[in-house]
Structure formats: C-alpha cells, structure tokens
N, C-alpha and C. Protein backbone atom coordinates (compact mmCIF):
# COMPACT_ATOMS: atom_id res chain seq x y z
N MET A 1 0.82 -1.19 0.00
CA MET A 1 0.00 0.00 0.00
C MET A 1 0.87 1.27 0.00
N GLU A 2 1.96 1.25 0.74
CA GLU A 2 2.84 2.42 0.80
C GLU A 2 3.38 2.77 -0.58
N ARG A 3 3.61 1.76 -1.41
CA ARG A 3 4.11 2.01 -2.77
C ARG A 3 3.10 2.84 -3.55
N VAL A 4 1.81 2.52 -3.42
CA VAL A 4 0.77 3.29 -4.11
C VAL A 4 0.71 4.70 -3.53
N LEU A 5 0.72 4.81 -2.22
CA LEU A 5 0.64 6.12 -1.59
C LEU A 5 1.82 7.00 -1.99
N SER A 6 3.02 6.43 -2.01
CA SER A 6 4.20 7.23 -2.31
C SER A 6 4.22 7.71 -3.76
N LYS A 7 3.52 7.01 -4.64
CA LYS A 7 3.52 7.41 -6.05
C LYS A 7 2.29 8.20 -6.46
N HIS A 8 1.16 8.03 -5.76
CA HIS A 8 -0.09 8.61 -6.25
C HIS A 8 -0.80 9.56 -5.29
N ARG A 9 -0.23 9.80 -4.09
CA ARG A 9 -0.83 10.84 -3.25
C ARG A 9 -0.50 12.19 -3.87
N HIS A 10 -1.36 13.15 -3.65
CA HIS A 10 -1.17 14.46 -4.26
C HIS A 10 0.18 15.04 -3.83
N GLY A 11 0.92 15.55 -4.81
CA GLY A 11 2.21 16.16 -4.53
C GLY A 11 3.39 15.22 -4.69
N SER A 12 3.13 13.96 -5.03
CA SER A 12 4.22 13.01 -5.25
C SER A 12 5.16 13.56 -6.31
N LYS A 13 6.41 13.29 -6.17
CA LYS A 13 7.42 13.79 -7.13
C LYS A 13 7.80 12.73 -8.17
N VAL A 14 7.05 11.63 -8.25
CA VAL A 14 7.36 10.59 -9.22
C VAL A 14 6.82 11.03 -10.59
N PRO A 15 7.69 11.22 -11.57
CA PRO A 15 7.25 11.71 -12.88
C PRO A 15 6.25 10.79 -13.55
N GLY A 16 5.25 11.41 -14.19
CA GLY A 16 4.30 10.67 -15.01
C GLY A 16 3.21 9.93 -14.26
N LYS A 17 3.13 10.08 -12.95
CA LYS A 17 2.10 9.40 -12.17
C LYS A 17 0.92 10.34 -11.93
N THR A 18 -0.28 9.77 -11.89
CA THR A 18 -1.46 10.57 -11.60
C THR A 18 -1.69 10.60 -10.09
N TRP A 19 -2.33 11.67 -9.63
CA TRP A 19 -2.54 11.88 -8.20
C TRP A 19 -4.00 11.72 -7.82
N PHE A 20 -4.22 11.20 -6.62
CA PHE A 20 -5.53 11.28 -6.02
C PHE A 20 -5.75 12.74 -5.61
N PRO A 21 -6.99 13.16 -5.38
CA PRO A 21 -7.28 14.57 -5.08
C PRO A 21 -6.48 15.11 -3.89
N PRO A 22 -6.14 16.40 -3.93
CA PRO A 22 -5.35 16.98 -2.83
C PRO A 22 -6.07 16.94 -1.49
N SER A 23 -7.39 16.91 -1.50
CA SER A 23 -8.14 16.89 -0.25
C SER A 23 -8.17 15.50 0.39
N TRP A 24 -7.71 14.47 -0.32
CA TRP A 24 -7.77 13.10 0.18
C TRP A 24 -6.58 12.80 1.09
N SER A 25 -6.87 12.24 2.24
CA SER A 25 -5.84 11.77 3.16
C SER A 25 -5.38 10.37 2.70
N ASP A 26 -4.33 9.88 3.33
CA ASP A 26 -3.90 8.51 3.03
C ASP A 26 -5.01 7.52 3.33
N GLU A 27 -5.78 7.78 4.38
CA GLU A 27 -6.90 6.90 4.73
C GLU A 27 -7.97 6.93 3.65
N ASP A 28 -8.23 8.11 3.06
CA ASP A 28 -9.20 8.21 1.96
C ASP A 28 -8.74 7.38 0.75
N ILE A 29 -7.46 7.46 0.45
CA ILE A 29 -6.91 6.71 -0.69
C ILE A 29 -7.02 5.21 -0.41
N GLN A 30 -6.66 4.79 0.78
CA GLN A 30 -6.76 3.38 1.14
C GLN A 30 -8.20 2.90 1.07
N ARG A 31 -9.12 3.73 1.52
CA ARG A 31 -10.55 3.38 1.46
C ARG A 31 -10.99 3.19 0.01
N ALA A 32 -10.58 4.09 -0.89
CA ALA A 32 -10.94 3.98 -2.31
C ALA A 32 -10.37 2.69 -2.91
N ILE A 33 -9.15 2.35 -2.54
CA ILE A 33 -8.54 1.11 -3.04
C ILE A 33 -9.33 -0.09 -2.56
N HIS A 34 -9.63 -0.12 -1.26
CA HIS A 34 -10.38 -1.25 -0.72
C HIS A 34 -11.77 -1.36 -1.36
N LEU A 35 -12.44 -0.23 -1.54
CA LEU A 35 -13.76 -0.26 -2.16
C LEU A 35 -13.68 -0.75 -3.61
N SER A 36 -12.64 -0.33 -4.33
CA SER A 36 -12.52 -0.77 -5.72
C SER A 36 -12.33 -2.29 -5.80
N LEU A 37 -11.68 -2.86 -4.81
CA LEU A 37 -11.46 -4.31 -4.80
C LEU A 37 -12.65 -5.08 -4.25
N GLN A 38 -13.34 -4.50 -3.27
CA GLN A 38 -14.44 -5.22 -2.61
C GLN A 38 -15.79 -4.99 -3.28
N GLU A 39 -16.00 -3.81 -3.85
CA GLU A 39 -17.29 -3.47 -4.44
C GLU A 39 -17.10 -2.78 -5.80
N PRO A 40 -16.42 -3.42 -6.74
CA PRO A 40 -16.14 -2.76 -8.02
C PRO A 40 -17.40 -2.54 -8.84
N HIS A 41 -17.37 -1.46 -9.64
CA HIS A 41 -18.43 -1.24 -10.63
C HIS A 41 -18.19 -2.14 -11.83
N GLU A 42 -16.91 -2.43 -12.09
CA GLU A 42 -16.55 -3.24 -13.25
C GLU A 42 -15.25 -3.97 -12.98
N ILE A 43 -15.14 -5.18 -13.52
CA ILE A 43 -13.91 -5.97 -13.46
C ILE A 43 -13.53 -6.30 -14.89
N THR A 44 -12.29 -5.99 -15.27
CA THR A 44 -11.83 -6.20 -16.64
C THR A 44 -10.58 -7.06 -16.64
N PRO A 45 -10.61 -8.20 -17.32
CA PRO A 45 -9.39 -9.00 -17.44
C PRO A 45 -8.48 -8.43 -18.52
N PHE A 46 -7.18 -8.41 -18.23
CA PHE A 46 -6.21 -8.04 -19.27
C PHE A 46 -4.86 -8.66 -18.91
N GLY A 47 -4.39 -9.47 -19.80
CA GLY A 47 -3.11 -10.14 -19.58
C GLY A 47 -3.12 -10.97 -18.31
N ASP A 48 -2.12 -10.74 -17.48
CA ASP A 48 -1.99 -11.50 -16.25
C ASP A 48 -2.66 -10.82 -15.06
N LYS A 49 -3.52 -9.83 -15.33
CA LYS A 49 -4.15 -9.06 -14.26
C LYS A 49 -5.67 -8.94 -14.46
N LEU A 50 -6.33 -8.63 -13.36
CA LEU A 50 -7.72 -8.19 -13.38
C LEU A 50 -7.73 -6.73 -12.95
N GLY A 51 -8.48 -5.92 -13.68
CA GLY A 51 -8.64 -4.51 -13.32
C GLY A 51 -9.98 -4.31 -12.63
N PHE A 52 -9.96 -3.65 -11.49
CA PHE A 52 -11.16 -3.37 -10.70
C PHE A 52 -11.39 -1.86 -10.72
N GLU A 53 -12.60 -1.44 -11.13
CA GLU A 53 -12.92 -0.01 -11.23
C GLU A 53 -14.01 0.35 -10.24
N LYS A 54 -13.84 1.48 -9.59
CA LYS A 54 -14.86 1.98 -8.66
C LYS A 54 -14.76 3.50 -8.62
N VAL A 55 -15.91 4.16 -8.71
CA VAL A 55 -15.96 5.61 -8.53
C VAL A 55 -16.22 5.88 -7.05
N VAL A 56 -15.32 6.62 -6.44
CA VAL A 56 -15.42 6.97 -5.03
C VAL A 56 -15.32 8.49 -4.92
N GLN A 57 -16.34 9.11 -4.37
CA GLN A 57 -16.38 10.57 -4.24
C GLN A 57 -16.05 11.24 -5.59
N GLN A 58 -16.65 10.75 -6.63
CA GLN A 58 -16.55 11.27 -7.99
C GLN A 58 -15.15 11.11 -8.60
N VAL A 59 -14.35 10.21 -8.04
CA VAL A 59 -13.01 9.93 -8.58
C VAL A 59 -12.96 8.45 -8.96
N LEU A 60 -12.55 8.16 -10.19
CA LEU A 60 -12.39 6.78 -10.63
C LEU A 60 -11.09 6.22 -10.07
N ALA A 61 -11.19 5.11 -9.36
CA ALA A 61 -10.01 4.41 -8.84
C ALA A 61 -9.89 3.08 -9.58
N TRP A 62 -8.73 2.83 -10.14
CA TRP A 62 -8.43 1.56 -10.79
C TRP A 62 -7.48 0.79 -9.88
N SER A 63 -7.78 -0.46 -9.63
CA SER A 63 -6.88 -1.33 -8.89
C SER A 63 -6.63 -2.57 -9.71
N HIS A 64 -5.39 -3.06 -9.68
CA HIS A 64 -5.01 -4.23 -10.46
C HIS A 64 -4.51 -5.33 -9.55
N VAL A 65 -4.92 -6.54 -9.85
CA VAL A 65 -4.51 -7.72 -9.12
C VAL A 65 -3.91 -8.71 -10.11
N ARG A 66 -2.70 -9.18 -9.80
CA ARG A 66 -2.09 -10.22 -10.66
C ARG A 66 -2.73 -11.55 -10.33
N VAL A 67 -3.17 -12.23 -11.38
CA VAL A 67 -3.84 -13.51 -11.19
C VAL A 67 -3.01 -14.68 -11.72
N ASP A 68 -1.78 -14.41 -12.11
CA ASP A 68 -0.91 -15.49 -12.59
C ASP A 68 -0.05 -16.05 -11.46
N THR A 69 -0.37 -15.68 -10.23
CA THR A 69 0.33 -16.19 -9.05
C THR A 69 -0.69 -16.88 -8.14
N ASP A 70 -0.19 -17.71 -7.27
CA ASP A 70 -1.07 -18.39 -6.32
C ASP A 70 -0.52 -18.18 -4.92
N PRO A 71 -1.16 -17.35 -4.14
CA PRO A 71 -2.44 -16.68 -4.39
C PRO A 71 -2.24 -15.43 -5.24
N PRO A 72 -3.33 -14.90 -5.82
CA PRO A 72 -3.26 -13.63 -6.56
C PRO A 72 -2.72 -12.53 -5.64
N ILE A 73 -2.03 -11.54 -6.24
CA ILE A 73 -1.46 -10.47 -5.43
C ILE A 73 -1.90 -9.09 -5.92
N PHE A 74 -2.11 -8.19 -4.99
CA PHE A 74 -2.40 -6.80 -5.30
C PHE A 74 -1.20 -6.24 -6.04
N TRP A 75 -1.45 -5.56 -7.16
CA TRP A 75 -0.36 -5.05 -7.98
C TRP A 75 -0.23 -3.54 -7.88
N ASN A 76 -1.31 -2.81 -8.15
CA ASN A 76 -1.25 -1.36 -8.04
C ASN A 76 -2.65 -0.76 -8.04
N SER A 77 -2.70 0.53 -7.79
CA SER A 77 -3.96 1.27 -7.82
C SER A 77 -3.64 2.72 -8.09
N TYR A 78 -4.51 3.38 -8.85
CA TYR A 78 -4.28 4.79 -9.19
C TYR A 78 -5.55 5.40 -9.76
N PRO A 79 -5.60 6.72 -9.78
CA PRO A 79 -6.73 7.41 -10.42
C PRO A 79 -6.35 7.73 -11.87
N PRO A 80 -6.88 7.03 -12.86
CA PRO A 80 -6.43 7.22 -14.23
C PRO A 80 -6.67 8.63 -14.78
N HIS A 81 -7.65 9.33 -14.21
CA HIS A 81 -7.95 10.67 -14.71
C HIS A 81 -7.50 11.76 -13.75
N GLY A 82 -6.66 11.40 -12.78
CA GLY A 82 -6.17 12.37 -11.80
C GLY A 82 -5.18 13.33 -12.41
N GLU A 83 -4.93 14.40 -11.68
CA GLU A 83 -3.92 15.36 -12.09
C GLU A 83 -2.58 14.64 -12.17
N ALA A 84 -1.76 14.97 -13.17
CA ALA A 84 -0.48 14.29 -13.36
C ALA A 84 0.65 15.06 -12.70
N SER A 85 1.64 14.28 -12.23
CA SER A 85 2.82 14.90 -11.61
C SER A 85 3.73 15.49 -12.66
C-alpha cells in the first residue's frame, strides 16, 4: 500500500504518475482502493491481471490484481484521470 501512496498521493514527485485529489488523506486513498477491490463497478481481465474499477467521491479508482500467481497479489492502484505529476 505504501508504494501506491508514495507514487499517487497528491504532490508526489514521481514523474508521469497521476494523483488522487489533494483533499484526500492517506486513509481516503486506502478506502478507495479497498472499495474498488471489494465493491467494483466493473472488473476487466487483461493479460496476467484483473482490473477493478470503482468511482469513489466522484473519482475513478483503478486497482489491479495479478492472477498469474497463487495466491493472486495486489499489484497497483491509481486514479487514471487524476492530475499528473
């Protein structure tokens, strides 16, 4: 989870990454990730991953889980339409 927070919280200095809204705390970001995985609006298979989509407080959160491992592992999460670093 810290990997996602360090790259996608607002103000991150990692080039080319999108940010969650500036008003969101780390807890808000974690909540959006958990909701996208537990109550997705859509699940999309692609390659070795499943993509989970959920709109939380009017922000689309995408979370990816690798399914080519046993057990499957959380891979990443980000707001695809967020402000870019």
